């Protein structure tokens, strides 16, 4: 089972929280009255905190659990050595076929 965030399925809850925290930024107000939202990922939850520029203080941290949408995680496909060898032989076969057709064409031109 995985956890979906913005159309991507993440293997673990912690990886999901990391992605959520990276997208978790918000600014409100402007100038010295501006507030910035900061998020920190942990394996169990995401910690939210706001910074007020006027007095330079951080708010009390709040533990937040983002909505967890389940998905089927499929690990990235990695080529094995057998796949690489098979592809290499297919490329060699194409080169041999092209060479053979060229030689056949040269022989036909000599006639």
PDB file of N, CA and C in Angstrom:
ATOM      1  N   UNK A   1       0.839  -1.175   0.000  1.00  0.00           N
ATOM      2  CA  UNK A   1       0.000   0.000   0.000  1.00  0.00           C
ATOM      3  C   UNK A   1       0.888   1.244   0.000  1.00  0.00           C
ATOM      4  N   UNK A   2       0.443   2.269  -0.678  1.00  0.00           N
ATOM      5  CA  UNK A   2       1.175   3.520  -0.724  1.00  0.00           C
ATOM      6  C   UNK A   2       0.263   4.680  -0.358  1.00  0.00           C
ATOM      7  N   UNK A   3       0.810   5.869  -0.449  1.00  0.00           N
ATOM      8  CA  UNK A   3       0.074   7.090  -0.104  1.00  0.00           C
ATOM      9  C   UNK A   3       0.202   8.072  -1.256  1.00  0.00           C
ATOM     10  N   UNK A   4      -0.933   8.527  -1.759  1.00  0.00           N
ATOM     11  CA  UNK A   4      -0.952   9.397  -2.939  1.00  0.00           C
ATOM     12  C   UNK A   4      -0.921  10.867  -2.543  1.00  0.00           C
ATOM     13  N   UNK A   5      -0.086  11.621  -3.271  1.00  0.00           N
ATOM     14  CA  UNK A   5      -0.028  13.069  -3.097  1.00  0.00           C
ATOM     15  C   UNK A   5       0.250  13.691  -4.455  1.00  0.00           C
ATOM     16  N   UNK A   6      -0.667  14.518  -4.914  1.00  0.00           N
ATOM     17  CA  UNK A   6      -0.563  15.195  -6.209  1.00  0.00           C
ATOM     18  C   UNK A   6      -0.315  14.219  -7.356  1.00  0.00           C
ATOM     19  N   UNK A   7      -1.041  13.126  -7.350  1.00  0.00           N
ATOM     20  CA  UNK A   7      -0.983  12.175  -8.450  1.00  0.00           C
ATOM     21  C   UNK A   7       0.190  11.219  -8.425  1.00  0.00           C
ATOM     22  N   UNK A   8       1.025  11.274  -7.390  1.00  0.00           N
ATOM     23  CA  UNK A   8       2.175  10.377  -7.281  1.00  0.00           C
ATOM     24  C   UNK A   8       1.976   9.498  -6.057  1.00  0.00           C
ATOM     25  N   UNK A   9       2.268   8.217  -6.208  1.00  0.00           N
ATOM     26  CA  UNK A   9       2.114   7.270  -5.110  1.00  0.00           C
ATOM     27  C   UNK A   9       3.466   7.088  -4.416  1.00  0.00           C
ATOM     28  N   UNK A  10       3.507   7.338  -3.091  1.00  0.00           N
ATOM     29  CA  UNK A  10       4.740   7.209  -2.324  1.00  0.00           C
ATOM     30  C   UNK A  10       4.686   5.943  -1.484  1.00  0.00           C
ATOM     31  N   UNK A  11       5.842   5.299  -1.372  1.00  0.00           N
ATOM     32  CA  UNK A  11       5.935   3.989  -0.742  1.00  0.00           C
ATOM     33  C   UNK A  11       5.603   4.002   0.746  1.00  0.00           C
ATOM     34  N   UNK A  12       6.104   4.983   1.479  1.00  0.00           N
ATOM     35  CA  UNK A  12       5.912   5.016   2.929  1.00  0.00           C
ATOM     36  C   UNK A  12       5.203   6.310   3.346  1.00  0.00           C
ATOM     37  N   UNK A  13       4.671   6.274   4.547  1.00  0.00           N
ATOM     38  CA  UNK A  13       4.000   7.444   5.098  1.00  0.00           C
ATOM     39  C   UNK A  13       4.995   8.593   5.288  1.00  0.00           C
ATOM     40  N   UNK A  14       6.222   8.260   5.677  1.00  0.00           N
ATOM     41  CA  UNK A  14       7.242   9.294   5.875  1.00  0.00           C
ATOM     42  C   UNK A  14       7.587  10.000   4.561  1.00  0.00           C
ATOM     43  N   UNK A  15       7.732   9.245   3.473  1.00  0.00           N
ATOM     44  CA  UNK A  15       8.014   9.864   2.168  1.00  0.00           C
ATOM     45  C   UNK A  15       6.843  10.750   1.737  1.00  0.00           C
ATOM     46  N   UNK A  16       5.631  10.318   2.041  1.00  0.00           N
ATOM     47  CA  UNK A  16       4.443  11.127   1.769  1.00  0.00           C
ATOM     48  C   UNK A  16       4.495  12.431   2.569  1.00  0.00           C
ATOM     49  N   UNK A  17       4.849  12.331   3.850  1.00  0.00           N
ATOM     50  CA  UNK A  17       4.940  13.528   4.691  1.00  0.00           C
ATOM     51  C   UNK A  17       6.032  14.476   4.190  1.00  0.00           C
ATOM     52  N   UNK A  18       7.138  13.936   3.721  1.00  0.00           N
ATOM     53  CA  UNK A  18       8.219  14.777   3.191  1.00  0.00           C
ATOM     54  C   UNK A  18       7.725  15.574   1.992  1.00  0.00           C
ATOM     55  N   UNK A  19       7.025  14.919   1.073  1.00  0.00           N
ATOM     56  CA  UNK A  19       6.516  15.617  -0.101  1.00  0.00           C
ATOM     57  C   UNK A  19       5.475  16.661   0.290  1.00  0.00           C
ATOM     58  N   UNK A  20       4.625  16.312   1.234  1.00  0.00           N
ATOM     59  CA  UNK A  20       3.621  17.262   1.704  1.00  0.00           C
ATOM     60  C   UNK A  20       4.293  18.487   2.321  1.00  0.00           C
ATOM     61  N   UNK A  21       5.315  18.272   3.149  1.00  0.00           N
ATOM     62  CA  UNK A  21       6.005  19.377   3.809  1.00  0.00           C
ATOM     63  C   UNK A  21       6.725  20.268   2.799  1.00  0.00           C
ATOM     64  N   UNK A  22       7.238  19.683   1.717  1.00  0.00           N
ATOM     65  CA  UNK A  22       7.917  20.485   0.705  1.00  0.00           C
ATOM     66  C   UNK A  22       6.950  21.401  -0.036  1.00  0.00           C
ATOM     67  N   UNK A  23       5.704  20.990  -0.142  1.00  0.00           N
ATOM     68  CA  UNK A  23       4.695  21.800  -0.826  1.00  0.00           C
ATOM     69  C   UNK A  23       3.953  22.722   0.139  1.00  0.00           C
ATOM     70  N   UNK A  24       4.247  22.598   1.418  1.00  0.00           N
ATOM     71  CA  UNK A  24       3.504  23.307   2.453  1.00  0.00           C
ATOM     72  C   UNK A  24       4.158  24.645   2.755  1.00  0.00           C
ATOM     73  N   UNK A  25       3.802  25.632   2.018  1.00  0.00           N
ATOM     74  CA  UNK A  25       4.293  26.976   2.285  1.00  0.00           C
ATOM     75  C   UNK A  25       3.171  27.949   1.967  1.00  0.00           C
ATOM     76  N   UNK A  26       3.067  28.936   2.755  1.00  0.00           N
ATOM     77  CA  UNK A  26       2.007  29.918   2.547  1.00  0.00           C
ATOM     78  C   UNK A  26       2.452  31.237   3.134  1.00  0.00           C
ATOM     79  N   UNK A  27       2.120  32.293   2.467  1.00  0.00           N
ATOM     80  CA  UNK A  27       2.423  33.629   2.947  1.00  0.00           C
ATOM     81  C   UNK A  27       1.114  34.397   3.045  1.00  0.00           C
ATOM     82  N   UNK A  28       0.930  35.083   4.123  1.00  0.00           N
ATOM     83  CA  UNK A  28      -0.239  35.947   4.230  1.00  0.00           C
ATOM     84  C   UNK A  28       0.233  37.322   4.665  1.00  0.00           C
ATOM     85  N   UNK A  29      -0.460  38.330   4.229  1.00  0.00           N
ATOM     86  CA  UNK A  29      -0.082  39.698   4.553  1.00  0.00           C
ATOM     87  C   UNK A  29       1.108  40.148   3.723  1.00  0.00           C
ATOM     88  N   UNK A  30       1.583  41.353   4.023  1.00  0.00           N
ATOM     89  CA  UNK A  30       2.752  41.876   3.320  1.00  0.00           C
ATOM     90  C   UNK A  30       3.531  42.773   4.270  1.00  0.00           C
ATOM     91  N   UNK A  31       4.754  43.039   3.904  1.00  0.00           N
ATOM     92  CA  UNK A  31       5.585  43.881   4.754  1.00  0.00           C
ATOM     93  C   UNK A  31       5.885  43.217   6.077  1.00  0.00           C
ATOM     94  N   UNK A  32       5.939  44.025   7.143  1.00  0.00           N
ATOM     95  CA  UNK A  32       6.254  43.476   8.460  1.00  0.00           C
ATOM     96  C   UNK A  32       5.108  42.668   9.057  1.00  0.00           C
ATOM     97  N   UNK A  33       3.903  42.827   8.532  1.00  0.00           N
ATOM     98  CA  UNK A  33       2.776  42.067   9.077  1.00  0.00           C
ATOM     99  C   UNK A  33       2.641  40.692   8.412  1.00  0.00           C
ATOM    100  N   UNK A  34       3.576  40.346   7.545  1.00  0.00           N
ATOM    101  CA  UNK A  34       3.497  39.073   6.822  1.00  0.00           C
ATOM    102  C   UNK A  34       3.707  37.900   7.773  1.00  0.00           C
ATOM    103  N   UNK A  35       3.046  36.793   7.445  1.00  0.00           N
ATOM    104  CA  UNK A  35       3.219  35.546   8.185  1.00  0.00           C
ATOM    105  C   UNK A  35       3.591  34.453   7.194  1.00  0.00           C
ATOM    106  N   UNK A  36       4.540  33.619   7.575  1.00  0.00           N
ATOM    107  CA  UNK A  36       4.983  32.520   6.741  1.00  0.00           C
ATOM    108  C   UNK A  36       4.702  31.203   7.442  1.00  0.00           C
ATOM    109  N   UNK A  37       4.241  30.219   6.691  1.00  0.00           N
ATOM    110  CA  UNK A  37       3.960  28.890   7.231  1.00  0.00           C
ATOM    111  C   UNK A  37       5.145  27.987   6.944  1.00  0.00           C
ATOM    112  N   UNK A  38       5.595  27.269   7.936  1.00  0.00           N
ATOM    113  CA  UNK A  38       6.701  26.334   7.793  1.00  0.00           C
ATOM    114  C   UNK A  38       6.225  24.948   8.195  1.00  0.00           C
ATOM    115  N   UNK A  39       6.625  23.939   7.432  1.00  0.00           N
ATOM    116  CA  UNK A  39       6.227  22.567   7.727  1.00  0.00           C
ATOM    117  C   UNK A  39       7.462  21.686   7.835  1.00  0.00           C
ATOM    118  N   UNK A  40       7.445  20.774   8.795  1.00  0.00           N
ATOM    119  CA  UNK A  40       8.527  19.826   8.999  1.00  0.00           C
ATOM    120  C   UNK A  40       7.937  18.430   9.041  1.00  0.00           C
ATOM    121  N   UNK A  41       8.499  17.532   8.241  1.00  0.00           N
ATOM    122  CA  UNK A  41       7.986  16.155   8.165  1.00  0.00           C
ATOM    123  C   UNK A  41       8.609  15.289   9.250  1.00  0.00           C
ATOM    124  N   UNK A  42       7.791  14.450   9.832  1.00  0.00           N
ATOM    125  CA  UNK A  42       8.246  13.395  10.742  1.00  0.00           C
ATOM    126  C   UNK A  42       7.589  12.107  10.268  1.00  0.00           C
ATOM    127  N   UNK A  43       8.047  10.958  10.743  1.00  0.00           N
ATOM    128  CA  UNK A  43       7.422   9.710  10.296  1.00  0.00           C
ATOM    129  C   UNK A  43       5.936   9.592  10.651  1.00  0.00           C
ATOM    130  N   UNK A  44       5.499  10.282  11.712  1.00  0.00           N
ATOM    131  CA  UNK A  44       4.118  10.128  12.175  1.00  0.00           C
ATOM    132  C   UNK A  44       3.179  11.257  11.764  1.00  0.00           C
ATOM    133  N   UNK A  45       3.709  12.458  11.567  1.00  0.00           N
ATOM    134  CA  UNK A  45       2.855  13.611  11.258  1.00  0.00           C
ATOM    135  C   UNK A  45       3.711  14.716  10.634  1.00  0.00           C
ATOM    136  N   UNK A  46       3.058  15.828  10.302  1.00  0.00           N
ATOM    137  CA  UNK A  46       3.740  17.018   9.794  1.00  0.00           C
ATOM    138  C   UNK A  46       3.551  18.121  10.828  1.00  0.00           C
ATOM    139  N   UNK A  47       4.641  18.776  11.205  1.00  0.00           N
ATOM    140  CA  UNK A  47       4.566  19.858  12.180  1.00  0.00           C
ATOM    141  C   UNK A  47       4.425  21.183  11.447  1.00  0.00           C
ATOM    142  N   UNK A  48       3.369  21.937  11.775  1.00  0.00           N
ATOM    143  CA  UNK A  48       3.106  23.233  11.162  1.00  0.00           C
ATOM    144  C   UNK A  48       3.454  24.336  12.157  1.00  0.00           C
ATOM    145  N   UNK A  49       4.091  25.406  11.648  1.00  0.00           N
ATOM    146  CA  UNK A  49       4.420  26.557  12.469  1.00  0.00           C
ATOM    147  C   UNK A  49       4.374  27.800  11.603  1.00  0.00           C
ATOM    148  N   UNK A  50       3.949  28.920  12.182  1.00  0.00           N
ATOM    149  CA  UNK A  50       3.954  30.179  11.428  1.00  0.00           C
ATOM    150  C   UNK A  50       4.958  31.137  12.057  1.00  0.00           C
ATOM    151  N   UNK A  51       5.573  31.943  11.198  1.00  0.00           N
ATOM    152  CA  UNK A  51       6.517  32.969  11.624  1.00  0.00           C
ATOM    153  C   UNK A  51       5.912  34.320  11.310  1.00  0.00           C
ATOM    154  N   UNK A  52       5.819  35.166  12.322  1.00  0.00           N
ATOM    155  CA  UNK A  52       5.319  36.522  12.137  1.00  0.00           C
ATOM    156  C   UNK A  52       6.520  37.462  12.049  1.00  0.00           C
ATOM    157  N   UNK A  53       6.612  38.198  10.945  1.00  0.00           N
ATOM    158  CA  UNK A  53       7.761  39.077  10.747  1.00  0.00           C
ATOM    159  C   UNK A  53       7.754  40.277  11.690  1.00  0.00           C
ATOM    160  N   UNK A  54       6.582  40.748  12.086  1.00  0.00           N
ATOM    161  CA  UNK A  54       6.500  41.950  12.912  1.00  0.00           C
ATOM    162  C   UNK A  54       7.298  41.802  14.200  1.00  0.00           C
ATOM    163  N   UNK A  55       7.181  40.643  14.845  1.00  0.00           N
ATOM    164  CA  UNK A  55       7.903  40.456  16.099  1.00  0.00           C
ATOM    165  C   UNK A  55       8.937  39.329  16.011  1.00  0.00           C
ATOM    166  N   UNK A  56       9.024  38.673  14.866  1.00  0.00           N
ATOM    167  CA  UNK A  56      10.033  37.634  14.666  1.00  0.00           C
ATOM    168  C   UNK A  56       9.845  36.405  15.519  1.00  0.00           C
ATOM    169  N   UNK A  57       8.613  36.116  15.880  1.00  0.00           N
ATOM    170  CA  UNK A  57       8.367  34.949  16.731  1.00  0.00           C
ATOM    171  C   UNK A  57       7.653  33.859  15.962  1.00  0.00           C
ATOM    172  N   UNK A  58       7.916  32.644  16.393  1.00  0.00           N
ATOM    173  CA  UNK A  58       7.249  31.469  15.826  1.00  0.00           C
ATOM    174  C   UNK A  58       6.038  31.128  16.677  1.00  0.00           C
ATOM    175  N   UNK A  59       5.007  30.638  16.042  1.00  0.00           N
ATOM    176  CA  UNK A  59       3.823  30.197  16.782  1.00  0.00           C
ATOM    177  C   UNK A  59       4.102  28.846  17.427  1.00  0.00           C
ATOM    178  N   UNK A  60       3.193  28.401  18.250  1.00  0.00           N
ATOM    179  CA  UNK A  60       3.307  27.079  18.864  1.00  0.00           C
ATOM    180  C   UNK A  60       3.154  26.026  17.767  1.00  0.00           C
ATOM    181  N   UNK A  61       4.057  25.048  17.707  1.00  0.00           N
ATOM    182  CA  UNK A  61       3.954  24.016  16.669  1.00  0.00           C
ATOM    183  C   UNK A  61       2.667  23.204  16.820  1.00  0.00           C
ATOM    184  N   UNK A  62       2.101  22.852  15.684  1.00  0.00           N
ATOM    185  CA  UNK A  62       0.887  22.041  15.643  1.00  0.00           C
ATOM    186  C   UNK A  62       1.178  20.787  14.845  1.00  0.00           C
ATOM    187  N   UNK A  63       0.841  19.627  15.393  1.00  0.00           N
ATOM    188  CA  UNK A  63       1.018  18.367  14.673  1.00  0.00           C
ATOM    189  C   UNK A  63      -0.190  18.146  13.782  1.00  0.00           C
ATOM    190  N   UNK A  64       0.062  17.917  12.507  1.00  0.00           N
ATOM    191  CA  UNK A  64      -1.015  17.793  11.519  1.00  0.00           C
ATOM    192  C   UNK A  64      -0.844  16.492  10.752  1.00  0.00           C
ATOM    193  N   UNK A  65      -1.947  15.765  10.600  1.00  0.00           N
ATOM    194  CA  UNK A  65      -1.946  14.554   9.781  1.00  0.00           C
ATOM    195  C   UNK A  65      -2.695  14.844   8.490  1.00  0.00           C
ATOM    196  N   UNK A  66      -1.980  14.987   7.366  1.00  0.00           N
ATOM    197  CA  UNK A  66      -2.671  15.244   6.102  1.00  0.00           C
ATOM    198  C   UNK A  66      -3.525  14.042   5.706  1.00  0.00           C
ATOM    199  N   UNK A  67      -4.535  14.314   4.890  1.00  0.00           N
ATOM    200  CA  UNK A  67      -5.418  13.245   4.438  1.00  0.00           C
ATOM    201  C   UNK A  67      -4.598  12.205   3.682  1.00  0.00           C
ATOM    202  N   UNK A  68      -4.763  10.964   4.065  1.00  0.00           N
ATOM    203  CA  UNK A  68      -3.991   9.878   3.465  1.00  0.00           C
ATOM    204  C   UNK A  68      -4.863   9.146   2.447  1.00  0.00           C
ATOM    205  N   UNK A  69      -4.520   9.310   1.186  1.00  0.00           N
ATOM    206  CA  UNK A  69      -5.232   8.630   0.108  1.00  0.00           C
ATOM    207  C   UNK A  69      -4.411   7.407  -0.262  1.00  0.00           C
ATOM    208  N   UNK A  70      -4.996   6.241  -0.109  1.00  0.00           N
ATOM    209  CA  UNK A  70      -4.230   5.030  -0.382  1.00  0.00           C
ATOM    210  C   UNK A  70      -4.127   4.782  -1.883  1.00  0.00           C
ATOM    211  N   UNK A  71      -3.036   4.164  -2.272  1.00  0.00           N
ATOM    212  CA  UNK A  71      -2.800   3.812  -3.675  1.00  0.00           C
ATOM    213  C   UNK A  71      -1.918   2.576  -3.708  1.00  0.00           C
ATOM    214  N   UNK A  72      -1.784   1.996  -4.866  1.00  0.00           N
ATOM    215  CA  UNK A  72      -0.933   0.821  -5.028  1.00  0.00           C
ATOM    216  C   UNK A  72       0.441   1.279  -5.478  1.00  0.00           C
ATOM    217  N   UNK A  73       1.423   1.092  -4.611  1.00  0.00           N
ATOM    218  CA  UNK A  73       2.787   1.530  -4.922  1.00  0.00           C
ATOM    219  C   UNK A  73       3.467   0.492  -5.805  1.00  0.00           C
ATOM    220  N   UNK A  74       4.027   0.962  -6.896  1.00  0.00           N
ATOM    221  CA  UNK A  74       4.815   0.094  -7.768  1.00  0.00           C
ATOM    222  C   UNK A  74       6.232   0.647  -7.803  1.00  0.00           C
ATOM    223  N   UNK A  75       7.208  -0.161  -7.381  1.00  0.00           N
ATOM    224  CA  UNK A  75       8.582   0.334  -7.388  1.00  0.00           C
ATOM    225  C   UNK A  75       9.039   0.644  -8.809  1.00  0.00           C
ATOM    226  N   UNK A  76       9.973   1.575  -8.947  1.00  0.00           N
ATOM    227  CA  UNK A  76      10.456   1.899 -10.283  1.00  0.00           C
ATOM    228  C   UNK A  76      11.091   0.681 -10.942  1.00  0.00           C
ATOM    229  N   UNK A  77      10.898   0.573 -12.247  1.00  0.00           N
ATOM    230  CA  UNK A  77      11.449  -0.573 -12.963  1.00  0.00           C
ATOM    231  C   UNK A  77      12.930  -0.339 -13.218  1.00  0.00           C
ATOM    232  N   UNK A  78      13.727  -1.329 -12.837  1.00  0.00           N
ATOM    233  CA  UNK A  78      15.171  -1.252 -13.016  1.00  0.00           C
ATOM    234  C   UNK A  78      15.571  -2.371 -13.966  1.00  0.00           C
ATOM    235  N   UNK A  79      16.374  -2.012 -14.951  1.00  0.00           N
ATOM    236  CA  UNK A  79      16.830  -3.025 -15.895  1.00  0.00           C
ATOM    237  C   UNK A  79      17.813  -3.960 -15.218  1.00  0.00           C
ATOM    238  N   UNK A  80      17.625  -5.257 -15.473  1.00  0.00           N
ATOM    239  CA  UNK A  80      18.567  -6.245 -14.959  1.00  0.00           C
ATOM    240  C   UNK A  80      19.680  -6.432 -15.979  1.00  0.00           C
ATOM    241  N   UNK A  81      20.721  -7.146 -15.574  1.00  0.00           N
ATOM    242  CA  UNK A  81      21.822  -7.425 -16.499  1.00  0.00           C
ATOM    243  C   UNK A  81      21.335  -8.232 -17.688  1.00  0.00           C
ATOM    244  N   UNK A  82      20.398  -9.139 -17.457  1.00  0.00           N
ATOM    245  CA  UNK A  82      19.862  -9.959 -18.552  1.00  0.00           C
ATOM    246  C   UNK A  82      19.147  -9.077 -19.575  1.00  0.00           C
ATOM    247  N   UNK A  83      18.436  -8.051 -19.110  1.00  0.00           N
ATOM    248  CA  UNK A  83      17.756  -7.138 -20.032  1.00  0.00           C
ATOM    249  C   UNK A  83      18.761  -6.373 -20.891  1.00  0.00           C
ATOM    250  N   UNK A  84      19.845  -5.943 -20.282  1.00  0.00           N
ATOM    251  CA  UNK A  84      20.863  -5.189 -21.007  1.00  0.00           C
ATOM    252  C   UNK A  84      21.543  -6.072 -22.045  1.00  0.00           C
ATOM    253  N   UNK A  85      21.855  -7.309 -21.671  1.00  0.00           N
ATOM    254  CA  UNK A  85      22.488  -8.239 -22.609  1.00  0.00           C
ATOM    255  C   UNK A  85      21.553  -8.536 -23.777  1.00  0.00           C
ATOM    256  N   UNK A  86      20.272  -8.761 -23.473  1.00  0.00           N
ATOM    257  CA  UNK A  86      19.308  -9.044 -24.531  1.00  0.00           C
ATOM    258  C   UNK A  86      19.183  -7.864 -25.493  1.00  0.00           C
ATOM    259  N   UNK A  87      19.104  -6.658 -24.974  1.00  0.00           N
ATOM    260  CA  UNK A  87      19.023  -5.471 -25.814  1.00  0.00           C
ATOM    261  C   UNK A  87      20.286  -5.317 -26.663  1.00  0.00           C
ATOM    262  N   UNK A  88      21.432  -5.601 -26.071  1.00  0.00           N
ATOM    263  CA  UNK A  88      22.690  -5.509 -26.817  1.00  0.00           C
ATOM    264  C   UNK A  88      22.707  -6.484 -27.994  1.00  0.00           C
ATOM    265  N   UNK A  89      22.248  -7.689 -27.762  1.00  0.00           N
ATOM    266  CA  UNK A  89      22.218  -8.672 -28.852  1.00  0.00           C
ATOM    267  C   UNK A  89      21.230  -8.260 -29.938  1.00  0.00           C
ATOM    268  N   UNK A  90      20.119  -7.645 -29.547  1.00  0.00           N
ATOM    269  CA  UNK A  90      19.165  -7.164 -30.552  1.00  0.00           C
ATOM    270  C   UNK A  90      19.784  -6.062 -31.413  1.00  0.00           C
ATOM    271  N   UNK A  91      20.559  -5.178 -30.791  1.00  0.00           N
ATOM    272  CA  UNK A  91      21.241  -4.122 -31.545  1.00  0.00           C
ATOM    273  C   UNK A  91      22.263  -4.731 -32.490  1.00  0.00           C
ATOM    274  N   UNK A  92      23.013  -5.725 -32.014  1.00  0.00           N
ATOM    275  CA  UNK A  92      23.986  -6.421 -32.878  1.00  0.00           C
ATOM    276  C   UNK A  92      23.263  -7.064 -34.047  1.00  0.00           C
ATOM    277  N   UNK A  93      22.121  -7.676 -33.801  1.00  0.00           N
ATOM    278  CA  UNK A  93      21.344  -8.302 -34.878  1.00  0.00           C
ATOM    279  C   UNK A  93      20.908  -7.294 -35.935  1.00  0.00           C
ATOM    280  N   UNK A  94      20.480  -6.111 -35.494  1.00  0.00           N
ATOM    281  CA  UNK A  94      20.070  -5.074 -36.448  1.00  0.00           C
ATOM    282  C   UNK A  94      21.263  -4.631 -37.288  1.00  0.00           C
ATOM    283  N   UNK A  95      22.436  -4.463 -36.666  1.00  0.00           N
ATOM    284  CA  UNK A  95      23.635  -4.063 -37.414  1.00  0.00           C
ATOM    285  C   UNK A  95      24.042  -5.146 -38.421  1.00  0.00           C
ATOM    286  N   UNK A  96      23.970  -6.393 -38.027  1.00  0.00           N
ATOM    287  CA  UNK A  96      24.316  -7.494 -38.947  1.00  0.00           C
ATOM    288  C   UNK A  96      23.332  -7.537 -40.109  1.00  0.00           C
ATOM    289  N   UNK A  97      22.040  -7.361 -39.818  1.00  0.00           N
ATOM    290  CA  UNK A  97      21.033  -7.360 -40.888  1.00  0.00           C
ATOM    291  C   UNK A  97      21.271  -6.202 -41.848  1.00  0.00           C
ATOM    292  N   UNK A  98      21.589  -5.023 -41.319  1.00  0.00           N
ATOM    293  CA  UNK A  98      21.851  -3.861 -42.174  1.00  0.00           C
ATOM    294  C   UNK A  98      23.098  -4.095 -43.023  1.00  0.00           C
ATOM    295  N   UNK A  99      24.142  -4.664 -42.444  1.00  0.00           N
ATOM    296  CA  UNK A  99      25.368  -4.964 -43.186  1.00  0.00           C
ATOM    297  C   UNK A  99      25.090  -5.978 -44.291  1.00  0.00           C
ATOM    298  N   UNK A 100      24.291  -7.000 -43.960  1.00  0.00           N
ATOM    299  CA  UNK A 100      23.947  -8.022 -44.972  1.00  0.00           C
ATOM    300  C   UNK A 100      23.156  -7.429 -46.121  1.00  0.00           C
ATOM    301  N   UNK A 101      22.210  -6.564 -45.825  1.00  0.00           N
ATOM    302  CA  UNK A 101      21.414  -5.930 -46.892  1.00  0.00           C
ATOM    303  C   UNK A 101      22.315  -5.047 -47.747  1.00  0.00           C
ATOM    304  N   UNK A 102      23.245  -4.346 -47.132  1.00  0.00           N
ATOM    305  CA  UNK A 102      24.167  -3.496 -47.895  1.00  0.00           C
ATOM    306  C   UNK A 102      25.042  -4.335 -48.824  1.00  0.00           C
ATOM    307  N   UNK A 103      25.569  -5.460 -48.332  1.00  0.00           N
ATOM    308  CA  UNK A 103      26.405  -6.333 -49.161  1.00  0.00           C
ATOM    309  C   UNK A 103      25.589  -6.937 -50.302  1.00  0.00           C
ATOM    310  N   UNK A 104      24.353  -7.303 -50.000  1.00  0.00           N
ATOM    311  CA  UNK A 104      23.481  -7.850 -51.038  1.00  0.00           C
ATOM    312  C   UNK A 104      23.199  -6.794 -52.097  1.00  0.00           C
ATOM    313  N   UNK A 105      22.984  -5.566 -51.663  1.00  0.00           N
ATOM    314  CA  UNK A 105      22.740  -4.467 -52.605  1.00  0.00           C
ATOM    315  C   UNK A 105      23.971  -4.217 -53.468  1.00  0.00           C
ATOM    316  N   UNK A 106      25.188  -4.239 -52.870  1.00  0.00           N
ATOM    317  CA  UNK A 106      26.426  -4.059 -53.639  1.00  0.00           C
ATOM    318  C   UNK A 106      26.600  -5.176 -54.667  1.00  0.00           C
ATOM    319  N   UNK A 107      26.266  -6.392 -54.287  1.00  0.00           N
ATOM    320  CA  UNK A 107      26.411  -7.530 -55.199  1.00  0.00           C
ATOM    321  C   UNK A 107      25.433  -7.419 -56.357  1.00  0.00           C
ATOM    322  N   UNK A 108      24.219  -6.940 -56.091  1.00  0.00           N
ATOM    323  CA  UNK A 108      23.222  -6.791 -57.143  1.00  0.00           C
ATOM    324  C   UNK A 108      23.639  -5.664 -58.117  1.00  0.00           C
ATOM    325  N   UNK A 109      24.287  -4.614 -57.610  1.00  0.00           N
ATOM    326  CA  UNK A 109      24.735  -3.522 -58.457  1.00  0.00           C
ATOM    327  C   UNK A 109      25.849  -3.957 -59.405  1.00  0.00           C
ATOM    328  N   UNK A 110      26.656  -4.927 -59.030  1.00  0.00           N
ATOM    329  CA  UNK A 110      27.757  -5.409 -59.872  1.00  0.00           C
ATOM    330  C   UNK A 110      27.236  -6.229 -61.045  1.00  0.00           C
ATOM    331  N   UNK A 111      26.089  -6.745 -61.006  1.00  0.00           N
ATOM    332  CA  UNK A 111      25.554  -7.583 -62.076  1.00  0.00           C
ATOM    333  C   UNK A 111      25.181  -6.775 -63.229  1.00  0.00           C
TER     334      UNK A 111
END
